[in-house]
Amino acid sequence: MRKFNGDFMSAMEIKRIDPQGRIVIPRSWREKWGNEVIIVELEDRLEILPKKKPNLSKFFDILELEVKSEDLEKELLEGI
């Protein structure tokens, strides 16, 4: 495994952008990460990130919240 811009890299491919502005993401990557991505423009590069629901539980031990709504499930699902 090699380091690239401070991050460990397990795979890399060089792709051409077609005249319609598209790139082909390898099938094995799509199967692993899903079919939706987020493309982020940074000062010196573009990053392609998988669009997945984040697992916020790894950032918190406990979560406290105050809910004023009668229909908690509906309100929580609207934000997804």
Foldseek 3Di string as FASTA:
>chain_A
DDDDPNRDDDDDDDFDQDPVRDTDDDPVVCVVQNDDWDWDDDPPDIDTGRDDDDDCCVVDPDDDDDDPDPPVVVVVVVVD
